[in-house]
């Protein structure tokens, strides 16, 4: 199984991080997650599978939840959104990538446990928001600001609300309803949100 690491998403902590070691750890987490589920997953098992010590993992991730989140939900960011000049098509490409991520076997296996830890662990909640989600949101807002400057969005359009409307719908479909989204539904969602933005 191949794995692509978006290293800039997470802030560096302590000494420089070795991409090869991280790739082994992340892949070990994915393999064990798919084999036994989130509840049965442990840092000890991940360390054994990756051939590293537990301290190596804890220098990079504070908890199992943080590690599994990075292994599962960090493939989609502003770099997945093309800059073709067609804002609707570019957003559709971005949301299709998000749909693929939420619909992946590892995401389906990880989501219930991650949500439980998100609700019970304030430190994980802060890390998720500050180190993972905020940089992606800022990058996407900057892309939408460029679209506004090109006249594709009205002046003062709230890029963050557009992002929340699109991403929140995907989250609702996959996590709350447990239903996939077809490409034509993604297209309809993007059209609906952009038409609303243009109307305001």
C-alpha atoms as a PDB file:
ATOM      1  CA  UNK A   1       0.000   0.000   0.000  1.00  0.00           C
ATOM      2  CA  UNK A   2       1.458   3.382  -0.978  1.00  0.00           C
ATOM      3  CA  UNK A   3       1.338   6.382   1.309  1.00  0.00           C
ATOM      4  CA  UNK A   4       1.810  10.057   0.570  1.00  0.00           C
ATOM      5  CA  UNK A   5       2.846  12.326   3.431  1.00  0.00           C
ATOM      6  CA  UNK A   6       1.939  15.997   3.415  1.00  0.00           C
ATOM      7  CA  UNK A   7       4.679  16.990   5.810  1.00  0.00           C
ATOM      8  CA  UNK A   8       4.004  20.770   5.987  1.00  0.00           C
ATOM      9  CA  UNK A   9       0.577  20.192   7.567  1.00  0.00           C
ATOM     10  CA  UNK A  10       1.955  19.517  11.021  1.00  0.00           C
ATOM     11  CA  UNK A  11       4.316  21.744  12.958  1.00  0.00           C
ATOM     12  CA  UNK A  12       7.742  20.323  13.652  1.00  0.00           C
ATOM     13  CA  UNK A  13       8.333  19.493  17.291  1.00  0.00           C
ATOM     14  CA  UNK A  14      11.787  18.928  18.773  1.00  0.00           C
ATOM     15  CA  UNK A  15      14.501  17.522  16.543  1.00  0.00           C
ATOM     16  CA  UNK A  16      14.014  17.203  12.761  1.00  0.00           C
ATOM     17  CA  UNK A  17      11.603  14.461  11.725  1.00  0.00           C
ATOM     18  CA  UNK A  18      12.887  11.626   9.525  1.00  0.00           C
ATOM     19  CA  UNK A  19      10.388  11.137   6.669  1.00  0.00           C
ATOM     20  CA  UNK A  20      11.295   7.457   6.237  1.00  0.00           C
ATOM     21  CA  UNK A  21      10.746   6.688   9.917  1.00  0.00           C
ATOM     22  CA  UNK A  22       7.473   8.594   9.875  1.00  0.00           C
ATOM     23  CA  UNK A  23       6.321   6.774   6.756  1.00  0.00           C
ATOM     24  CA  UNK A  24       6.943   3.412   8.440  1.00  0.00           C
ATOM     25  CA  UNK A  25       5.059   4.475  11.559  1.00  0.00           C
ATOM     26  CA  UNK A  26       2.125   5.879   9.618  1.00  0.00           C
ATOM     27  CA  UNK A  27       1.929   2.814   7.397  1.00  0.00           C
ATOM     28  CA  UNK A  28       2.070   0.542  10.434  1.00  0.00           C
ATOM     29  CA  UNK A  29      -0.809   2.472  11.988  1.00  0.00           C
ATOM     30  CA  UNK A  30      -2.884   2.110   8.804  1.00  0.00           C
ATOM     31  CA  UNK A  31      -2.174  -1.616   8.483  1.00  0.00           C
ATOM     32  CA  UNK A  32      -3.062  -2.350  12.111  1.00  0.00           C
ATOM     33  CA  UNK A  33      -6.118  -0.118  11.947  1.00  0.00           C
ATOM     34  CA  UNK A  34      -7.430  -2.061   8.969  1.00  0.00           C
ATOM     35  CA  UNK A  35      -6.569  -5.388  10.582  1.00  0.00           C
ATOM     36  CA  UNK A  36      -8.145  -4.881  14.004  1.00  0.00           C
ATOM     37  CA  UNK A  37      -9.926  -1.543  14.209  1.00  0.00           C
ATOM     38  CA  UNK A  38      -9.266   1.601  16.205  1.00  0.00           C
ATOM     39  CA  UNK A  39     -10.175   0.297  19.667  1.00  0.00           C
ATOM     40  CA  UNK A  40      -7.668  -2.572  19.471  1.00  0.00           C
ATOM     41  CA  UNK A  41      -4.890  -0.351  18.143  1.00  0.00           C
ATOM     42  CA  UNK A  42      -2.063   0.588  20.524  1.00  0.00           C
ATOM     43  CA  UNK A  43       1.139   2.612  20.363  1.00  0.00           C
ATOM     44  CA  UNK A  44       3.031  -0.507  21.438  1.00  0.00           C
ATOM     45  CA  UNK A  45       1.678  -2.499  18.491  1.00  0.00           C
ATOM     46  CA  UNK A  46       2.430   0.311  16.052  1.00  0.00           C
ATOM     47  CA  UNK A  47       5.997   0.588  17.367  1.00  0.00           C
ATOM     48  CA  UNK A  48       6.569  -3.157  16.950  1.00  0.00           C
ATOM     49  CA  UNK A  49       5.118  -3.153  13.435  1.00  0.00           C
ATOM     50  CA  UNK A  50       7.230  -0.134  12.394  1.00  0.00           C
ATOM     51  CA  UNK A  51      10.398  -1.404  14.063  1.00  0.00           C
ATOM     52  CA  UNK A  52      10.840   1.641  16.297  1.00  0.00           C
ATOM     53  CA  UNK A  53      10.655   2.381  20.000  1.00  0.00           C
ATOM     54  CA  UNK A  54       7.573   3.876  21.650  1.00  0.00           C
ATOM     55  CA  UNK A  55       9.603   6.984  22.515  1.00  0.00           C
ATOM     56  CA  UNK A  56      10.196   7.559  18.799  1.00  0.00           C
ATOM     57  CA  UNK A  57       6.445   7.714  18.276  1.00  0.00           C
ATOM     58  CA  UNK A  58       5.744   9.873  21.317  1.00  0.00           C
ATOM     59  CA  UNK A  59       8.372  12.405  20.189  1.00  0.00           C
ATOM     60  CA  UNK A  60       6.231  12.989  17.106  1.00  0.00           C
ATOM     61  CA  UNK A  61       2.644  12.390  18.253  1.00  0.00           C
ATOM     62  CA  UNK A  62       1.138  13.008  21.672  1.00  0.00           C
ATOM     63  CA  UNK A  63      -1.444  10.225  21.438  1.00  0.00           C
ATOM     64  CA  UNK A  64      -2.823   7.367  19.377  1.00  0.00           C
ATOM     65  CA  UNK A  65      -5.649   9.626  18.204  1.00  0.00           C
ATOM     66  CA  UNK A  66      -3.241  12.211  16.829  1.00  0.00           C
ATOM     67  CA  UNK A  67      -1.162   9.568  15.055  1.00  0.00           C
ATOM     68  CA  UNK A  68      -4.166   7.834  13.523  1.00  0.00           C
ATOM     69  CA  UNK A  69      -5.654  11.141  12.428  1.00  0.00           C
ATOM     70  CA  UNK A  70      -2.463  12.070  10.587  1.00  0.00           C
ATOM     71  CA  UNK A  71      -2.307   8.624   9.014  1.00  0.00           C
ATOM     72  CA  UNK A  72      -5.926   8.853   7.883  1.00  0.00           C
ATOM     73  CA  UNK A  73      -7.114  12.398   7.241  1.00  0.00           C
ATOM     74  CA  UNK A  74      -4.232  14.576   6.067  1.00  0.00           C
ATOM     75  CA  UNK A  75      -4.098  13.854   2.356  1.00  0.00           C
ATOM     76  CA  UNK A  76      -6.489  16.637   1.320  1.00  0.00           C
ATOM     77  CA  UNK A  77      -5.395  20.274   1.528  1.00  0.00           C
ATOM     78  CA  UNK A  78      -5.243  23.336  -0.716  1.00  0.00           C
ATOM     79  CA  UNK A  79      -2.779  21.560  -2.999  1.00  0.00           C
ATOM     80  CA  UNK A  80      -5.623  19.255  -4.064  1.00  0.00           C
ATOM     81  CA  UNK A  81      -7.460  22.259  -5.512  1.00  0.00           C
ATOM     82  CA  UNK A  82      -6.267  23.107  -9.042  1.00  0.00           C
ATOM     83  CA  UNK A  83      -5.973  26.670 -10.276  1.00  0.00           C
ATOM     84  CA  UNK A  84      -7.452  26.252 -13.738  1.00  0.00           C
ATOM     85  CA  UNK A  85      -9.402  29.505 -13.709  1.00  0.00           C
ATOM     86  CA  UNK A  86     -12.699  27.612 -13.449  1.00  0.00           C
ATOM     87  CA  UNK A  87     -13.579  27.975  -9.760  1.00  0.00           C
ATOM     88  CA  UNK A  88     -16.510  25.571  -9.875  1.00  0.00           C
ATOM     89  CA  UNK A  89     -14.423  22.820 -11.491  1.00  0.00           C
ATOM     90  CA  UNK A  90     -11.518  23.449  -9.130  1.00  0.00           C
ATOM     91  CA  UNK A  91     -13.730  23.183  -6.039  1.00  0.00           C
ATOM     92  CA  UNK A  92     -15.362  20.073  -7.451  1.00  0.00           C
ATOM     93  CA  UNK A  93     -11.910  18.455  -7.784  1.00  0.00           C
ATOM     94  CA  UNK A  94     -11.119  19.389  -4.191  1.00  0.00           C
ATOM     95  CA  UNK A  95     -14.366  17.971  -2.785  1.00  0.00           C
ATOM     96  CA  UNK A  96     -14.035  14.779  -4.820  1.00  0.00           C
ATOM     97  CA  UNK A  97     -10.630  14.281  -3.174  1.00  0.00           C
ATOM     98  CA  UNK A  98     -12.259  14.826   0.229  1.00  0.00           C
ATOM     99  CA  UNK A  99     -14.980  12.319  -0.641  1.00  0.00           C
ATOM    100  CA  UNK A 100     -12.312   9.759  -1.545  1.00  0.00           C
ATOM    101  CA  UNK A 101     -10.562  10.361   1.769  1.00  0.00           C
ATOM    102  CA  UNK A 102     -13.704  10.040   3.911  1.00  0.00           C
ATOM    103  CA  UNK A 103     -14.820   6.989   1.973  1.00  0.00           C
ATOM    104  CA  UNK A 104     -11.521   5.127   2.270  1.00  0.00           C
ATOM    105  CA  UNK A 105     -11.427   1.911   4.352  1.00  0.00           C
ATOM    106  CA  UNK A 106      -8.984   3.445   6.852  1.00  0.00           C
ATOM    107  CA  UNK A 107     -11.204   6.489   7.361  1.00  0.00           C
ATOM    108  CA  UNK A 108     -14.254   4.311   7.938  1.00  0.00           C
ATOM    109  CA  UNK A 109     -12.285   2.256  10.484  1.00  0.00           C
ATOM    110  CA  UNK A 110     -10.800   5.291  12.265  1.00  0.00           C
ATOM    111  CA  UNK A 111     -13.659   7.794  12.403  1.00  0.00           C
ATOM    112  CA  UNK A 112     -15.711   6.488  15.366  1.00  0.00           C
ATOM    113  CA  UNK A 113     -12.691   6.254  17.656  1.00  0.00           C
ATOM    114  CA  UNK A 114     -11.246   9.569  16.590  1.00  0.00           C
ATOM    115  CA  UNK A 115     -14.567  11.308  17.206  1.00  0.00           C
ATOM    116  CA  UNK A 116     -14.781   9.760  20.682  1.00  0.00           C
ATOM    117  CA  UNK A 117     -11.276  10.969  21.522  1.00  0.00           C
ATOM    118  CA  UNK A 118     -12.044  14.374  20.038  1.00  0.00           C
ATOM    119  CA  UNK A 119     -14.906  14.734  22.504  1.00  0.00           C
ATOM    120  CA  UNK A 120     -13.034  13.472  25.555  1.00  0.00           C
ATOM    121  CA  UNK A 121      -9.474  14.756  25.034  1.00  0.00           C
ATOM    122  CA  UNK A 122      -9.108  18.585  25.010  1.00  0.00           C
ATOM    123  CA  UNK A 123      -5.407  18.374  24.100  1.00  0.00           C
ATOM    124  CA  UNK A 124      -6.174  16.293  21.018  1.00  0.00           C
ATOM    125  CA  UNK A 125      -9.010  18.660  20.116  1.00  0.00           C
ATOM    126  CA  UNK A 126      -6.645  21.656  20.290  1.00  0.00           C
ATOM    127  CA  UNK A 127      -3.963  19.885  18.259  1.00  0.00           C
ATOM    128  CA  UNK A 128      -6.468  18.868  15.607  1.00  0.00           C
ATOM    129  CA  UNK A 129      -7.788  22.391  15.224  1.00  0.00           C
ATOM    130  CA  UNK A 130      -4.506  24.304  15.490  1.00  0.00           C
ATOM    131  CA  UNK A 131      -1.980  22.067  13.759  1.00  0.00           C
ATOM    132  CA  UNK A 132      -4.056  20.171  11.219  1.00  0.00           C
ATOM    133  CA  UNK A 133      -7.280  21.977  10.322  1.00  0.00           C
ATOM    134  CA  UNK A 134      -6.317  25.648  10.671  1.00  0.00           C
ATOM    135  CA  UNK A 135      -3.420  25.596   8.160  1.00  0.00           C
ATOM    136  CA  UNK A 136      -5.590  23.844   5.570  1.00  0.00           C
ATOM    137  CA  UNK A 137      -8.449  26.303   6.090  1.00  0.00           C
ATOM    138  CA  UNK A 138      -6.075  29.250   5.766  1.00  0.00           C
ATOM    139  CA  UNK A 139      -4.630  27.853   2.551  1.00  0.00           C
ATOM    140  CA  UNK A 140      -8.070  27.317   1.038  1.00  0.00           C
ATOM    141  CA  UNK A 141      -9.237  30.762   2.117  1.00  0.00           C
ATOM    142  CA  UNK A 142      -6.225  32.257   0.349  1.00  0.00           C
ATOM    143  CA  UNK A 143      -7.153  30.373  -2.824  1.00  0.00           C
ATOM    144  CA  UNK A 144     -10.722  31.668  -2.617  1.00  0.00           C
ATOM    145  CA  UNK A 145      -9.419  35.193  -2.025  1.00  0.00           C
ATOM    146  CA  UNK A 146      -7.555  34.917  -5.316  1.00  0.00           C
ATOM    147  CA  UNK A 147     -10.800  33.839  -6.982  1.00  0.00           C
ATOM    148  CA  UNK A 148     -12.466  36.922  -5.499  1.00  0.00           C
ATOM    149  CA  UNK A 149      -9.719  39.156  -6.912  1.00  0.00           C
ATOM    150  CA  UNK A 150     -10.315  37.582 -10.335  1.00  0.00           C
ATOM    151  CA  UNK A 151     -14.011  38.433 -10.076  1.00  0.00           C
ATOM    152  CA  UNK A 152     -15.189  34.849  -9.641  1.00  0.00           C
ATOM    153  CA  UNK A 153     -16.641  35.628  -6.203  1.00  0.00           C
ATOM    154  CA  UNK A 154     -18.282  38.847  -5.022  1.00  0.00           C
ATOM    155  CA  UNK A 155     -16.193  41.266  -2.943  1.00  0.00           C
ATOM    156  CA  UNK A 156     -16.258  40.299   0.726  1.00  0.00           C
ATOM    157  CA  UNK A 157     -17.339  36.717   0.050  1.00  0.00           C
ATOM    158  CA  UNK A 158     -16.646  34.610   3.107  1.00  0.00           C
ATOM    159  CA  UNK A 159     -14.274  31.899   1.982  1.00  0.00           C
ATOM    160  CA  UNK A 160     -14.420  30.176   5.345  1.00  0.00           C
ATOM    161  CA  UNK A 161     -18.182  29.715   5.109  1.00  0.00           C
ATOM    162  CA  UNK A 162     -17.831  28.251   1.625  1.00  0.00           C
ATOM    163  CA  UNK A 163     -15.245  25.792   2.944  1.00  0.00           C
ATOM    164  CA  UNK A 164     -17.420  24.886   5.932  1.00  0.00           C
ATOM    165  CA  UNK A 165     -20.503  24.400   3.767  1.00  0.00           C
ATOM    166  CA  UNK A 166     -18.699  22.063   1.370  1.00  0.00           C
ATOM    167  CA  UNK A 167     -16.608  20.123   3.886  1.00  0.00           C
ATOM    168  CA  UNK A 168     -19.408  19.984   6.442  1.00  0.00           C
ATOM    169  CA  UNK A 169     -21.760  18.378   3.943  1.00  0.00           C
ATOM    170  CA  UNK A 170     -19.224  15.656   3.134  1.00  0.00           C
ATOM    171  CA  UNK A 171     -18.706  15.043   6.857  1.00  0.00           C
ATOM    172  CA  UNK A 172     -22.456  14.810   7.438  1.00  0.00           C
ATOM    173  CA  UNK A 173     -22.995  12.361   4.602  1.00  0.00           C
ATOM    174  CA  UNK A 174     -20.174  10.010   5.533  1.00  0.00           C
ATOM    175  CA  UNK A 175     -19.971  10.279   9.328  1.00  0.00           C
ATOM    176  CA  UNK A 176     -23.561  10.986  10.380  1.00  0.00           C
ATOM    177  CA  UNK A 177     -25.566   9.259   7.640  1.00  0.00           C
ATOM    178  CA  UNK A 178     -22.978   6.717   6.544  1.00  0.00           C
ATOM    179  CA  UNK A 179     -23.799   7.401   2.895  1.00  0.00           C
ATOM    180  CA  UNK A 180     -21.344   7.982   0.033  1.00  0.00           C
ATOM    181  CA  UNK A 181     -21.545  10.883  -2.379  1.00  0.00           C
ATOM    182  CA  UNK A 182     -21.665  10.372  -6.122  1.00  0.00           C
ATOM    183  CA  UNK A 183     -19.694  12.705  -8.411  1.00  0.00           C
ATOM    184  CA  UNK A 184     -22.924  14.257  -9.696  1.00  0.00           C
ATOM    185  CA  UNK A 185     -23.955  15.028  -6.098  1.00  0.00           C
ATOM    186  CA  UNK A 186     -20.584  16.676  -5.475  1.00  0.00           C
ATOM    187  CA  UNK A 187     -21.096  18.780  -8.589  1.00  0.00           C
ATOM    188  CA  UNK A 188     -24.566  19.783  -7.427  1.00  0.00           C
ATOM    189  CA  UNK A 189     -23.255  20.686  -3.957  1.00  0.00           C
ATOM    190  CA  UNK A 190     -20.520  22.921  -5.357  1.00  0.00           C
ATOM    191  CA  UNK A 191     -22.971  24.627  -7.699  1.00  0.00           C
ATOM    192  CA  UNK A 192     -25.441  25.218  -4.859  1.00  0.00           C
ATOM    193  CA  UNK A 193     -22.836  26.725  -2.523  1.00  0.00           C
ATOM    194  CA  UNK A 194     -21.269  28.945  -5.188  1.00  0.00           C
ATOM    195  CA  UNK A 195     -24.631  30.188  -6.409  1.00  0.00           C
ATOM    196  CA  UNK A 196     -25.466  31.091  -2.829  1.00  0.00           C
ATOM    197  CA  UNK A 197     -22.192  32.984  -2.485  1.00  0.00           C
ATOM    198  CA  UNK A 198     -22.789  34.834  -5.740  1.00  0.00           C
ATOM    199  CA  UNK A 199     -26.335  35.712  -4.699  1.00  0.00           C
ATOM    200  CA  UNK A 200     -25.054  37.473  -1.599  1.00  0.00           C
END
